[in-house]
Amino acid sequence: EGVVRASDRVAAPNPQWDGAHPDP
């Protein structure tokens, strides 16, 4: 169920991502 639901939610960029404090 988790796999199917995750596949339906297309990955998007994180607009708050900060290279000085990178989020893995």
PDB file of all heavy atoms in Angstrom:
ATOM      1  N   GLU A   1       0.833  -1.209   0.000  1.00  0.00           N
ATOM      2  CA  GLU A   1       0.000   0.000   0.000  1.00  0.00           C
ATOM      3  C   GLU A   1       0.865   1.255   0.000  1.00  0.00           C
ATOM      4  O   GLU A   1       0.597   2.223  -0.734  1.00  0.00           O
ATOM      5  CB  GLU A   1      -0.911  -0.002   1.225  1.00  0.00           C
ATOM      6  CG  GLU A   1      -1.854   1.180   1.319  1.00  0.00           C
ATOM      7  CD  GLU A   1      -3.010   1.116   0.337  1.00  0.00           C
ATOM      8  OE1 GLU A   1      -3.277   0.029  -0.197  1.00  0.00           O
ATOM      9  OE2 GLU A   1      -3.646   2.167   0.110  1.00  0.00           O
ATOM     10  N   GLY A   2       1.922   1.247   0.794  1.00  0.00           N
ATOM     11  CA  GLY A   2       2.818   2.397   0.833  1.00  0.00           C
ATOM     12  C   GLY A   2       3.543   2.629  -0.476  1.00  0.00           C
ATOM     13  O   GLY A   2       3.718   3.772  -0.909  1.00  0.00           O
ATOM     14  N   VAL A   3       3.969   1.549  -1.129  1.00  0.00           N
ATOM     15  CA  VAL A   3       4.656   1.670  -2.417  1.00  0.00           C
ATOM     16  C   VAL A   3       3.735   2.290  -3.465  1.00  0.00           C
ATOM     17  O   VAL A   3       4.123   3.219  -4.192  1.00  0.00           O
ATOM     18  CB  VAL A   3       5.168   0.299  -2.892  1.00  0.00           C
ATOM     19  CG1 VAL A   3       5.642   0.375  -4.342  1.00  0.00           C
ATOM     20  CG2 VAL A   3       6.300  -0.189  -2.002  1.00  0.00           C
ATOM     21  N   VAL A   4       2.517   1.790  -3.555  1.00  0.00           N
ATOM     22  CA  VAL A   4       1.577   2.298  -4.555  1.00  0.00           C
ATOM     23  C   VAL A   4       1.271   3.770  -4.303  1.00  0.00           C
ATOM     24  O   VAL A   4       1.272   4.594  -5.229  1.00  0.00           O
ATOM     25  CB  VAL A   4       0.292   1.449  -4.559  1.00  0.00           C
ATOM     26  CG1 VAL A   4      -0.768   2.087  -5.458  1.00  0.00           C
ATOM     27  CG2 VAL A   4       0.596   0.030  -5.024  1.00  0.00           C
ATOM     28  N   ARG A   5       1.034   4.105  -3.056  1.00  0.00           N
ATOM     29  CA  ARG A   5       0.712   5.494  -2.744  1.00  0.00           C
ATOM     30  C   ARG A   5       1.900   6.421  -3.006  1.00  0.00           C
ATOM     31  O   ARG A   5       1.727   7.536  -3.504  1.00  0.00           O
ATOM     32  CB  ARG A   5       0.262   5.617  -1.290  1.00  0.00           C
ATOM     33  CG  ARG A   5      -1.077   4.955  -0.998  1.00  0.00           C
ATOM     34  CD  ARG A   5      -1.632   5.475   0.296  1.00  0.00           C
ATOM     35  NE  ARG A   5      -2.835   4.785   0.704  1.00  0.00           N
ATOM     36  CZ  ARG A   5      -3.738   5.295   1.533  1.00  0.00           C
ATOM     37  NH1 ARG A   5      -3.551   6.516   2.032  1.00  0.00           N
ATOM     38  NH2 ARG A   5      -4.802   4.620   1.883  1.00  0.00           N
ATOM     39  N   ALA A   6       3.105   5.963  -2.678  1.00  0.00           N
ATOM     40  CA  ALA A   6       4.292   6.786  -2.929  1.00  0.00           C
ATOM     41  C   ALA A   6       4.524   6.976  -4.425  1.00  0.00           C
ATOM     42  O   ALA A   6       4.930   8.049  -4.874  1.00  0.00           O
ATOM     43  CB  ALA A   6       5.514   6.147  -2.281  1.00  0.00           C
ATOM     44  N   SER A   7       4.258   5.934  -5.209  1.00  0.00           N
ATOM     45  CA  SER A   7       4.412   6.051  -6.655  1.00  0.00           C
ATOM     46  C   SER A   7       3.446   7.072  -7.240  1.00  0.00           C
ATOM     47  O   SER A   7       3.780   7.788  -8.193  1.00  0.00           O
ATOM     48  CB  SER A   7       4.189   4.687  -7.310  1.00  0.00           C
ATOM     49  OG  SER A   7       4.275   4.778  -8.716  1.00  0.00           O
ATOM     50  N   ASP A   8       2.253   7.145  -6.663  1.00  0.00           N
ATOM     51  CA  ASP A   8       1.257   8.096  -7.162  1.00  0.00           C
ATOM     52  C   ASP A   8       1.591   9.535  -6.803  1.00  0.00           C
ATOM     53  O   ASP A   8       1.033  10.465  -7.395  1.00  0.00           O
ATOM     54  CB  ASP A   8      -0.124   7.744  -6.594  1.00  0.00           C
ATOM     55  CG  ASP A   8      -0.730   6.506  -7.239  1.00  0.00           C
ATOM     56  OD1 ASP A   8      -0.260   6.131  -8.330  1.00  0.00           O
ATOM     57  OD2 ASP A   8      -1.649   5.914  -6.646  1.00  0.00           O
ATOM     58  N   ARG A   9       2.487   9.727  -5.840  1.00  0.00           N
ATOM     59  CA  ARG A   9       2.881  11.087  -5.454  1.00  0.00           C
ATOM     60  C   ARG A   9       4.254  11.374  -6.075  1.00  0.00           C
ATOM     61  O   ARG A   9       5.290  11.000  -5.533  1.00  0.00           O
ATOM     62  CB  ARG A   9       2.953  11.239  -3.944  1.00  0.00           C
ATOM     63  CG  ARG A   9       3.230  12.681  -3.512  1.00  0.00           C
ATOM     64  CD  ARG A   9       3.435  12.792  -2.018  1.00  0.00           C
ATOM     65  NE  ARG A   9       3.549  14.180  -1.593  1.00  0.00           N
ATOM     66  CZ  ARG A   9       4.651  14.917  -1.670  1.00  0.00           C
ATOM     67  NH1 ARG A   9       5.763  14.374  -2.183  1.00  0.00           N
ATOM     68  NH2 ARG A   9       4.658  16.171  -1.258  1.00  0.00           N
ATOM     69  N   VAL A  10       4.274  12.014  -7.215  1.00  0.00           N
ATOM     70  CA  VAL A  10       5.520  12.250  -7.941  1.00  0.00           C
ATOM     71  C   VAL A  10       6.432  13.160  -7.127  1.00  0.00           C
ATOM     72  O   VAL A  10       6.005  14.224  -6.643  1.00  0.00           O
ATOM     73  CB  VAL A  10       5.236  12.866  -9.325  1.00  0.00           C
ATOM     74  CG1 VAL A  10       6.543  13.176 -10.056  1.00  0.00           C
ATOM     75  CG2 VAL A  10       4.359  11.935 -10.146  1.00  0.00           C
ATOM     76  N   ALA A  11       7.668  12.736  -6.948  1.00  0.00           N
ATOM     77  CA  ALA A  11       8.633  13.500  -6.154  1.00  0.00           C
ATOM     78  C   ALA A  11       8.818  14.903  -6.725  1.00  0.00           C
ATOM     79  O   ALA A  11       8.885  15.090  -7.942  1.00  0.00           O
ATOM     80  CB  ALA A  11       9.969  12.771  -6.116  1.00  0.00           C
ATOM     81  N   ALA A  12       8.925  15.875  -5.831  1.00  0.00           N
ATOM     82  CA  ALA A  12       9.098  17.276  -6.227  1.00  0.00           C
ATOM     83  C   ALA A  12      10.273  17.869  -5.458  1.00  0.00           C
ATOM     84  O   ALA A  12      10.641  17.384  -4.384  1.00  0.00           O
ATOM     85  CB  ALA A  12       7.819  18.063  -5.933  1.00  0.00           C
ATOM     86  N   PRO A  13      10.867  18.936  -5.982  1.00  0.00           N
ATOM     87  CA  PRO A  13      11.950  19.601  -5.252  1.00  0.00           C
ATOM     88  C   PRO A  13      11.454  20.175  -3.923  1.00  0.00           C
ATOM     89  O   PRO A  13      10.278  20.521  -3.781  1.00  0.00           O
ATOM     90  CB  PRO A  13      12.387  20.720  -6.205  1.00  0.00           C
ATOM     91  CG  PRO A  13      11.878  20.310  -7.549  1.00  0.00           C
ATOM     92  CD  PRO A  13      10.621  19.537  -7.299  1.00  0.00           C
ATOM     93  N   ASN A  14      12.367  20.281  -2.976  1.00  0.00           N
ATOM     94  CA  ASN A  14      12.078  20.936  -1.708  1.00  0.00           C
ATOM     95  C   ASN A  14      12.518  22.397  -1.815  1.00  0.00           C
ATOM     96  O   ASN A  14      13.716  22.674  -1.835  1.00  0.00           O
ATOM     97  CB  ASN A  14      12.826  20.237  -0.574  1.00  0.00           C
ATOM     98  CG  ASN A  14      12.632  20.928   0.769  1.00  0.00           C
ATOM     99  OD1 ASN A  14      11.867  21.891   0.888  1.00  0.00           O
ATOM    100  ND2 ASN A  14      13.336  20.460   1.783  1.00  0.00           N
ATOM    101  N   PRO A  15      11.579  23.346  -1.890  1.00  0.00           N
ATOM    102  CA  PRO A  15      11.962  24.752  -2.087  1.00  0.00           C
ATOM    103  C   PRO A  15      12.746  25.319  -0.909  1.00  0.00           C
ATOM    104  O   PRO A  15      13.427  26.340  -1.064  1.00  0.00           O
ATOM    105  CB  PRO A  15      10.614  25.467  -2.248  1.00  0.00           C
ATOM    106  CG  PRO A  15       9.607  24.555  -1.633  1.00  0.00           C
ATOM    107  CD  PRO A  15      10.130  23.173  -1.826  1.00  0.00           C
ATOM    108  N   GLN A  16      12.678  24.679   0.262  1.00  0.00           N
ATOM    109  CA  GLN A  16      13.422  25.157   1.430  1.00  0.00           C
ATOM    110  C   GLN A  16      14.799  24.498   1.578  1.00  0.00           C
ATOM    111  O   GLN A  16      15.522  24.789   2.541  1.00  0.00           O
ATOM    112  CB  GLN A  16      12.614  24.886   2.712  1.00  0.00           C
ATOM    113  CG  GLN A  16      11.532  25.917   3.008  1.00  0.00           C
ATOM    114  CD  GLN A  16      10.291  25.700   2.173  1.00  0.00           C
ATOM    115  OE1 GLN A  16       9.795  24.579   2.083  1.00  0.00           O
ATOM    116  NE2 GLN A  16       9.784  26.746   1.551  1.00  0.00           N
ATOM    117  N   TRP A  17      15.158  23.646   0.619  1.00  0.00           N
ATOM    118  CA  TRP A  17      16.439  22.949   0.755  1.00  0.00           C
ATOM    119  C   TRP A  17      17.590  23.944   0.754  1.00  0.00           C
ATOM    120  O   TRP A  17      17.639  24.866  -0.079  1.00  0.00           O
ATOM    121  CB  TRP A  17      16.610  21.945  -0.382  1.00  0.00           C
ATOM    122  CG  TRP A  17      17.684  20.931  -0.112  1.00  0.00           C
ATOM    123  CD1 TRP A  17      17.551  19.747   0.540  1.00  0.00           C
ATOM    124  CD2 TRP A  17      19.058  21.018  -0.509  1.00  0.00           C
ATOM    125  NE1 TRP A  17      18.739  19.086   0.589  1.00  0.00           N
ATOM    126  CE2 TRP A  17      19.695  19.843  -0.043  1.00  0.00           C
ATOM    127  CE3 TRP A  17      19.814  21.965  -1.197  1.00  0.00           C
ATOM    128  CZ2 TRP A  17      21.041  19.592  -0.256  1.00  0.00           C
ATOM    129  CZ3 TRP A  17      21.158  21.718  -1.401  1.00  0.00           C
ATOM    130  CH2 TRP A  17      21.764  20.542  -0.939  1.00  0.00           C
ATOM    131  N   ASP A  18      18.521  23.783   1.675  1.00  0.00           N
ATOM    132  CA  ASP A  18      19.616  24.732   1.884  1.00  0.00           C
ATOM    133  C   ASP A  18      20.940  23.995   1.824  1.00  0.00           C
ATOM    134  O   ASP A  18      21.206  23.116   2.650  1.00  0.00           O
ATOM    135  CB  ASP A  18      19.425  25.403   3.249  1.00  0.00           C
ATOM    136  CG  ASP A  18      20.518  26.420   3.568  1.00  0.00           C
ATOM    137  OD1 ASP A  18      21.375  26.668   2.705  1.00  0.00           O
ATOM    138  OD2 ASP A  18      20.500  26.951   4.693  1.00  0.00           O
ATOM    139  N   GLY A  19      21.767  24.364   0.865  1.00  0.00           N
ATOM    140  CA  GLY A  19      23.062  23.720   0.707  1.00  0.00           C
ATOM    141  C   GLY A  19      23.998  23.934   1.876  1.00  0.00           C
ATOM    142  O   GLY A  19      24.927  23.149   2.092  1.00  0.00           O
ATOM    143  N   ALA A  20      23.777  24.994   2.659  1.00  0.00           N
ATOM    144  CA  ALA A  20      24.599  25.226   3.844  1.00  0.00           C
ATOM    145  C   ALA A  20      24.228  24.272   4.977  1.00  0.00           C
ATOM    146  O   ALA A  20      25.042  24.003   5.865  1.00  0.00           O
ATOM    147  CB  ALA A  20      24.449  26.673   4.312  1.00  0.00           C
ATOM    148  N   HIS A  21      22.983  23.795   4.952  1.00  0.00           N
ATOM    149  CA  HIS A  21      22.511  22.824   5.939  1.00  0.00           C
ATOM    150  C   HIS A  21      21.708  21.747   5.193  1.00  0.00           C
ATOM    151  O   HIS A  21      20.492  21.689   5.287  1.00  0.00           O
ATOM    152  CB  HIS A  21      21.651  23.502   7.004  1.00  0.00           C
ATOM    153  CG  HIS A  21      22.350  24.610   7.722  1.00  0.00           C
ATOM    154  ND1 HIS A  21      22.292  25.923   7.303  1.00  0.00           N
ATOM    155  CD2 HIS A  21      23.153  24.581   8.820  1.00  0.00           C
ATOM    156  CE1 HIS A  21      23.007  26.674   8.115  1.00  0.00           C
ATOM    157  NE2 HIS A  21      23.551  25.886   9.044  1.00  0.00           N
ATOM    158  N   PRO A  22      22.406  20.927   4.406  1.00  0.00           N
ATOM    159  CA  PRO A  22      21.714  20.019   3.487  1.00  0.00           C
ATOM    160  C   PRO A  22      20.884  18.959   4.204  1.00  0.00           C
ATOM    161  O   PRO A  22      21.329  18.341   5.165  1.00  0.00           O
ATOM    162  CB  PRO A  22      22.860  19.372   2.696  1.00  0.00           C
ATOM    163  CG  PRO A  22      24.065  19.537   3.565  1.00  0.00           C
ATOM    164  CD  PRO A  22      23.869  20.798   4.323  1.00  0.00           C
ATOM    165  N   ASP A  23      19.669  18.777   3.721  1.00  0.00           N
ATOM    166  CA  ASP A  23      18.751  17.769   4.244  1.00  0.00           C
ATOM    167  C   ASP A  23      18.916  16.497   3.422  1.00  0.00           C
ATOM    168  O   ASP A  23      18.614  16.496   2.222  1.00  0.00           O
ATOM    169  CB  ASP A  23      17.312  18.289   4.144  1.00  0.00           C
ATOM    170  CG  ASP A  23      16.274  17.233   4.455  1.00  0.00           C
ATOM    171  OD1 ASP A  23      16.642  16.209   5.059  1.00  0.00           O
ATOM    172  OD2 ASP A  23      15.101  17.443   4.098  1.00  0.00           O
ATOM    173  N   PRO A  24      19.380  15.384   4.020  1.00  0.00           N
ATOM    174  CA  PRO A  24      19.597  14.155   3.242  1.00  0.00           C
ATOM    175  C   PRO A  24      18.327  13.543   2.646  1.00  0.00           C
ATOM    176  O   PRO A  24      18.409  12.784   1.683  1.00  0.00           O
ATOM    177  CB  PRO A  24      20.211  13.192   4.272  1.00  0.00           C
ATOM    178  CG  PRO A  24      20.772  14.068   5.345  1.00  0.00           C
ATOM    179  CD  PRO A  24      19.841  15.241   5.418  1.00  0.00           C
TER     180      PRO A  24
END
